Structures are given as C-alpha cells and as structure tokens.
Amino acid sequence: MHHVLVTEKVTKCYLPGQPPAVKEVDLTLGQGEILSIVGPNGAGKSTLVQMMLGLLLPDSGMVRLFGHDVSKERRRIAHRINYASTDLSLPYSLTVRENLLTYALIYNMKNPRERVARLLSTLGLESFAERKVGALSTGQVARMGIAKALVNDPEILFLDEPTATLDPEVSGQLRHLLGTMVRERGMALLYTSHNMREVERFSDRIVLMRAGEIAAEGTAADLMQRYGTEDLEELFLLLAGREEVAVE
C-alpha cells in the first residue's frame, strides 16, 4: 500500500519537566485507507492530528505528507488535504452557498459554481443553500463543515467527530459518501468518532493511544481477538486502564 502520510518518532512536550503529550509515535496512512485514532482524554490524539496538519510543530521526529516534510513544505501540500471538526468557524453572515463558493475560489477550483452545486446536492444541503450560516441548526452546520472540507477534492481528509451531531439517517448517508470516495478515488481518510460501532464498521484500521503513545493498532477484528474482548468498547476500557474513554 502506498503511504500518503507517515509519522516518524513524532514527539511533542508542552511544558519542560512534564510528560510529553505525544511520544515517539510512528504511524502510517495508506492511499484509499480509513484510519481511526481513539483513546482516553489527554491521550495525545488532538496534538498528533495538529502536527499531521502542520498546525503544530513537533519537538522531534517528522511528519511526511506525500513524501514532504510538513513542518518545512506545508504550502506545497496544503491544497491536497482538508479538515473538518465539530469546532467549526465560518462567516455567519454569508449563506451556505456563498461560504462554499468562497472556499472553492480560495482553492482555485475549476468551475467553482458547478463544484458547489454538486456538493450541495450530494450532502443534502440544497434546501437551505440560501440560508445564512448563523441561522443553521447544529446538524446543518456539521454537514456544511463536511462540504467545506470536500470543496477542494482532497487526497487526504481529516475528520474529527463528523457525525456527532447528525441523525442516524444522515450519518449513514455520509459514511456511504465517504466510503465511495475512498473506494473510487483512493482518498485517504483519518477519522475519529465517539460511536464505537461506527468505528468498528467504518474503519480499515484502528489506532488506540494512551499517555501519548500507541497502545494498540490493527483491524477491529484483530484487536478484539488479540485481547479477548467481545466489542470495541470493552477493548478500549481495558487498554485505557478503565479510564473514561473518549475519542477525539
């Protein structure tokens, strides 16, 4: 499998004398792969993802996207990736369509209006496309954020809790859409979710972090067999030391 993302001994410590938030993490993401990173609060997941995106510099180690060192060459690869989270900040005075068109123009997409129209249709946003973002419901804002993340047709998509505020039907539609993009386009997806059933069904591979390090890695079936658990929830509680499990 061709790896589009590789981390090499990535380490980050926020305060001198304190344990590192991320410690010597080696991780890969393959083209056309869906990878979930899960673990307890404070496990280092968010810090790791921020370093993958080039938003935070590691103290040591390296993150490579498409073979490029993210800390030195982020501008060369920024147009090939995108990110969406539940913490979405958008111009609330613009409509859904205007927001997406703005981002399509920023990314210099060909036929931006057609691109936006397809996204509106695909993600079921047409009925409120002319509504200002400030008037949207929480679930509608989440769908808007995913559309924004897809506007540049990314080769790697980072999604943080993408279905947390969506109803089951829309969540299923989104998983189907993303699965199709992964299969047909070879898009790589790094995905996080609190929904353990979703993680089990949707992920090709799962990484569990604890105290800044990788505690376990593999497919859901392999991990449950390895540790003798019946489901992922039991597995995560076991490996997290019976701490509260949360996925970032």
Protein backbone atom coordinates (compact mmCIF):
# COMPACT_ATOMS: atom_id res chain seq x y z
CA MET A 1 0.00 0.00 0.00
CA HIS A 2 1.28 3.46 -0.90
CA HIS A 3 1.58 5.59 2.24
CA VAL A 4 0.39 9.19 1.82
CA LEU A 5 1.04 10.05 5.48
CA VAL A 6 3.93 8.88 7.66
CA THR A 7 4.94 9.99 11.14
CA GLU A 8 8.45 9.15 12.31
CA LYS A 9 9.13 9.20 16.08
CA VAL A 10 6.94 12.30 16.45
CA THR A 11 7.21 13.85 19.91
CA LYS A 12 5.65 16.96 21.46
CA CYS A 13 6.03 18.29 25.00
CA TYR A 14 4.21 21.47 26.02
CA LEU A 15 5.97 22.17 29.35
CA PRO A 16 9.54 21.39 30.46
CA GLY A 17 9.67 18.64 33.02
CA GLN A 18 6.21 17.36 32.13
CA PRO A 19 5.46 14.09 30.30
CA PRO A 20 5.20 14.59 26.52
CA ALA A 21 1.73 14.95 25.03
CA VAL A 22 2.91 12.73 22.16
CA LYS A 23 5.91 10.44 22.48
CA GLU A 24 7.78 8.89 19.54
CA VAL A 25 4.70 7.97 17.53
CA ASP A 26 5.25 6.00 14.32
CA LEU A 27 2.13 5.89 12.18
CA THR A 28 1.13 5.45 8.55
CA LEU A 29 -1.96 6.16 6.47
CA GLY A 30 -2.30 4.48 3.12
CA GLN A 31 -3.93 5.71 -0.05
CA GLY A 32 -7.55 4.57 -0.03
CA GLU A 33 -7.46 3.68 3.68
CA ILE A 34 -9.81 4.69 6.51
CA LEU A 35 -7.92 5.04 9.80
CA SER A 36 -9.46 5.84 13.20
CA ILE A 37 -7.43 7.18 16.13
CA VAL A 38 -9.09 6.67 19.50
CA GLY A 39 -8.20 6.86 23.17
CA PRO A 40 -8.94 8.49 26.55
CA ASN A 41 -8.95 12.24 27.10
CA GLY A 42 -5.38 13.51 27.26
CA ALA A 43 -4.01 10.61 25.23
CA GLY A 44 -2.45 12.98 22.68
CA LYS A 45 -4.82 12.45 19.78
CA SER A 46 -5.58 16.11 19.08
CA THR A 47 -1.93 17.08 19.42
CA LEU A 48 -0.94 14.35 16.96
CA VAL A 49 -3.54 15.42 14.40
CA GLN A 50 -2.47 19.07 14.69
CA MET A 51 1.10 18.03 13.91
CA MET A 52 -0.13 15.97 10.95
CA LEU A 53 -1.88 19.07 9.62
CA GLY A 54 1.20 21.22 10.10
CA LEU A 55 -0.59 23.45 12.61
CA LEU A 56 1.78 22.43 15.41
CA LEU A 57 5.49 21.72 15.10
CA PRO A 58 6.89 18.58 16.74
CA ASP A 59 9.79 18.91 19.16
CA SER A 60 11.41 15.95 17.45
CA GLY A 61 10.56 13.49 14.74
CA MET A 62 8.90 14.19 11.42
CA VAL A 63 5.51 14.16 9.71
CA ARG A 64 5.52 13.48 5.97
CA LEU A 65 2.56 14.03 3.66
CA PHE A 66 3.05 12.75 0.11
CA GLY A 67 6.75 12.46 0.94
CA HIS A 68 7.09 16.10 2.04
CA ASP A 69 8.14 17.28 5.49
CA VAL A 70 5.02 19.09 6.72
CA SER A 71 6.94 21.44 9.00
CA LYS A 72 9.01 22.73 6.06
CA GLU A 73 6.83 22.24 2.99
CA ARG A 74 3.25 22.68 4.19
CA ARG A 75 2.42 25.17 1.43
CA ARG A 76 3.29 22.58 -1.21
CA ILE A 77 0.71 20.10 0.07
CA ALA A 78 -1.95 22.25 1.77
CA HIS A 79 -4.22 22.17 -1.29
CA ARG A 80 -4.17 18.35 -1.27
CA ILE A 81 -5.61 17.92 2.24
CA ASN A 82 -8.54 19.23 4.28
CA TYR A 83 -10.00 19.03 7.76
CA ALA A 84 -13.37 19.29 9.47
CA SER A 85 -14.30 19.20 13.14
CA THR A 86 -17.23 19.98 15.39
CA ASP A 87 -15.49 23.26 16.28
CA LEU A 88 -16.30 25.00 13.01
CA SER A 89 -15.79 28.72 12.45
CA LEU A 90 -17.48 30.19 9.37
CA PRO A 91 -18.66 33.66 8.31
CA TYR A 92 -22.18 33.57 9.77
CA SER A 93 -23.37 36.49 7.64
CA LEU A 94 -22.84 34.50 4.42
CA THR A 95 -25.19 31.86 3.09
CA VAL A 96 -24.22 28.21 2.80
CA ARG A 97 -23.72 28.59 -0.95
CA GLU A 98 -21.68 31.79 -0.55
CA ASN A 99 -19.42 30.15 2.02
CA LEU A 100 -18.72 27.13 -0.15
CA LEU A 101 -18.18 29.28 -3.23
CA THR A 102 -15.71 31.43 -1.30
CA TYR A 103 -13.66 28.38 -0.35
CA ALA A 104 -13.85 26.97 -3.89
CA LEU A 105 -12.40 30.24 -5.18
CA ILE A 106 -9.69 30.25 -2.49
CA TYR A 107 -8.63 26.79 -3.66
CA ASN A 108 -8.81 27.98 -7.28
CA MET A 109 -11.13 25.13 -8.22
CA LYS A 110 -12.22 24.81 -11.83
CA ASN A 111 -15.91 25.56 -12.41
CA PRO A 112 -16.43 26.58 -8.77
CA ARG A 113 -20.18 27.12 -9.07
CA GLU A 114 -20.68 23.64 -10.51
CA ARG A 115 -18.44 22.18 -7.81
CA VAL A 116 -20.50 23.86 -5.08
CA ALA A 117 -23.78 22.76 -6.69
CA ARG A 118 -22.61 19.13 -6.66
CA LEU A 119 -21.60 19.33 -3.01
CA LEU A 120 -24.93 20.89 -2.05
CA SER A 121 -26.76 18.07 -3.79
CA THR A 122 -24.53 15.26 -2.54
CA LEU A 123 -24.70 16.34 1.11
CA GLY A 124 -28.37 17.27 1.07
CA LEU A 125 -27.78 20.98 1.59
CA GLU A 126 -29.90 22.29 -1.27
CA SER A 127 -32.96 23.04 0.86
CA PHE A 128 -31.04 25.58 2.95
CA ALA A 129 -28.31 26.63 0.49
CA GLU A 130 -29.51 30.25 0.54
CA ARG A 131 -29.80 30.38 4.33
CA LYS A 132 -27.18 32.26 6.32
CA VAL A 133 -24.87 30.01 8.33
CA GLY A 134 -25.83 31.83 11.53
CA ALA A 135 -29.39 30.54 11.15
CA LEU A 136 -28.47 26.86 10.72
CA SER A 137 -29.07 24.10 13.23
CA THR A 138 -26.13 22.26 14.81
CA GLY A 139 -26.58 19.30 12.47
CA GLN A 140 -26.80 21.55 9.42
CA VAL A 141 -23.60 23.33 10.43
CA ALA A 142 -21.88 19.94 10.73
CA ARG A 143 -22.95 18.98 7.20
CA MET A 144 -21.81 22.39 5.99
CA GLY A 145 -18.40 21.79 7.57
CA ILE A 146 -18.03 18.47 5.78
CA ALA A 147 -18.97 20.10 2.48
CA LYS A 148 -16.32 22.76 3.11
CA ALA A 149 -13.73 20.05 3.77
CA LEU A 150 -14.59 18.37 0.46
CA VAL A 151 -14.63 21.53 -1.65
CA ASN A 152 -11.02 21.10 -2.85
CA ASP A 153 -11.44 17.38 -3.61
CA PRO A 154 -8.74 16.42 -1.06
CA GLU A 155 -6.47 13.41 -1.31
CA ILE A 156 -6.32 13.16 2.49
CA LEU A 157 -9.34 14.12 4.59
CA PHE A 158 -9.10 14.57 8.37
CA LEU A 159 -12.47 14.36 10.14
CA ASP A 160 -12.95 14.94 13.87
CA GLU A 161 -16.32 13.66 15.13
CA PRO A 162 -18.05 14.25 11.77
CA THR A 163 -21.31 12.51 12.67
CA ALA A 164 -21.61 13.55 16.33
CA THR A 165 -24.49 15.98 15.69
CA LEU A 166 -26.12 14.17 12.76
CA ASP A 167 -29.20 11.97 12.90
CA PRO A 168 -28.71 8.27 12.06
CA GLU A 169 -30.05 8.58 8.51
CA VAL A 170 -27.76 11.48 7.58
CA SER A 171 -24.82 9.77 9.34
CA GLY A 172 -25.38 6.69 7.22
CA GLN A 173 -25.54 8.78 4.05
CA LEU A 174 -22.28 10.50 4.98
CA ARG A 175 -20.49 7.20 5.64
CA HIS A 176 -21.71 5.90 2.29
CA LEU A 177 -20.46 9.05 0.53
CA LEU A 178 -17.06 8.94 2.19
CA GLY A 179 -16.73 5.21 1.59
CA THR A 180 -17.45 5.76 -2.10
CA MET A 181 -14.82 8.50 -2.32
CA VAL A 182 -12.26 6.25 -0.65
CA ARG A 183 -13.00 3.31 -2.96
CA GLU A 184 -13.38 5.21 -6.23
CA ARG A 185 -10.84 8.00 -5.81
CA GLY A 186 -8.36 6.45 -3.46
CA MET A 187 -8.88 9.24 -0.95
CA ALA A 188 -7.27 8.56 2.44
CA LEU A 189 -9.40 9.28 5.50
CA LEU A 190 -8.27 9.83 9.07
CA TYR A 191 -11.44 9.59 11.09
CA THR A 192 -12.39 9.99 14.75
CA SER A 193 -15.71 9.20 16.41
CA HIS A 194 -17.30 8.57 19.79
CA ASN A 195 -19.53 5.98 18.12
CA MET A 196 -17.68 2.72 18.70
CA ARG A 197 -19.99 0.75 16.43
CA GLU A 198 -19.29 3.28 13.70
CA VAL A 199 -15.53 2.99 14.23
CA GLU A 200 -15.73 -0.81 14.08
CA ARG A 201 -17.80 -0.89 10.90
CA PHE A 202 -16.24 2.01 9.04
CA SER A 203 -12.50 1.76 9.77
CA ASP A 204 -9.96 -0.31 7.90
CA ARG A 205 -7.56 0.11 10.80
CA ILE A 206 -7.79 1.45 14.35
CA VAL A 207 -5.09 3.06 16.49
CA LEU A 208 -5.59 3.33 20.25
CA MET A 209 -3.46 5.94 22.02
CA ARG A 210 -2.71 6.17 25.71
CA ALA A 211 -0.46 8.69 27.51
CA GLY A 212 0.92 10.00 24.23
CA GLU A 213 1.87 6.61 22.83
CA ILE A 214 0.26 3.97 20.63
CA ALA A 215 -1.12 1.25 22.90
CA ALA A 216 -2.58 -0.95 20.15
CA GLU A 217 -3.08 -0.96 16.41
CA GLY A 218 -4.93 -3.20 13.95
CA THR A 219 -8.32 -4.03 12.50
CA ALA A 220 -11.28 -4.21 14.87
CA ALA A 221 -11.47 -7.99 14.49
CA ASP A 222 -7.74 -8.48 15.06
CA LEU A 223 -7.71 -6.27 18.15
CA MET A 224 -10.71 -7.96 19.76
CA GLN A 225 -9.24 -11.39 19.09
CA ARG A 226 -5.81 -10.36 20.38
CA TYR A 227 -7.16 -9.05 23.69
CA GLY A 228 -10.09 -11.43 24.08
CA THR A 229 -12.86 -8.83 24.14
CA GLU A 230 -16.33 -9.04 22.64
CA ASP A 231 -16.57 -5.47 21.39
CA LEU A 232 -14.52 -2.30 20.93
CA GLU A 233 -15.95 -0.56 23.98
CA GLU A 234 -14.66 -3.34 26.23
CA LEU A 235 -11.32 -3.30 24.44
CA PHE A 236 -10.85 0.44 24.82
CA LEU A 237 -11.74 0.35 28.51
CA LEU A 238 -9.27 -2.48 29.01
CA LEU A 239 -6.37 -0.78 27.22
CA ALA A 240 -7.15 2.64 28.66
CA GLY A 241 -6.83 1.27 32.18
CA ARG A 242 -10.55 1.59 32.94
CA GLU A 243 -10.41 5.34 32.39
CA GLU A 244 -13.25 7.20 30.73
CA VAL A 245 -12.96 6.58 27.02
CA ALA A 246 -13.39 9.50 24.65
CA VAL A 247 -12.43 9.71 21.01
CA GLU A 248 -11.06 12.94 19.56
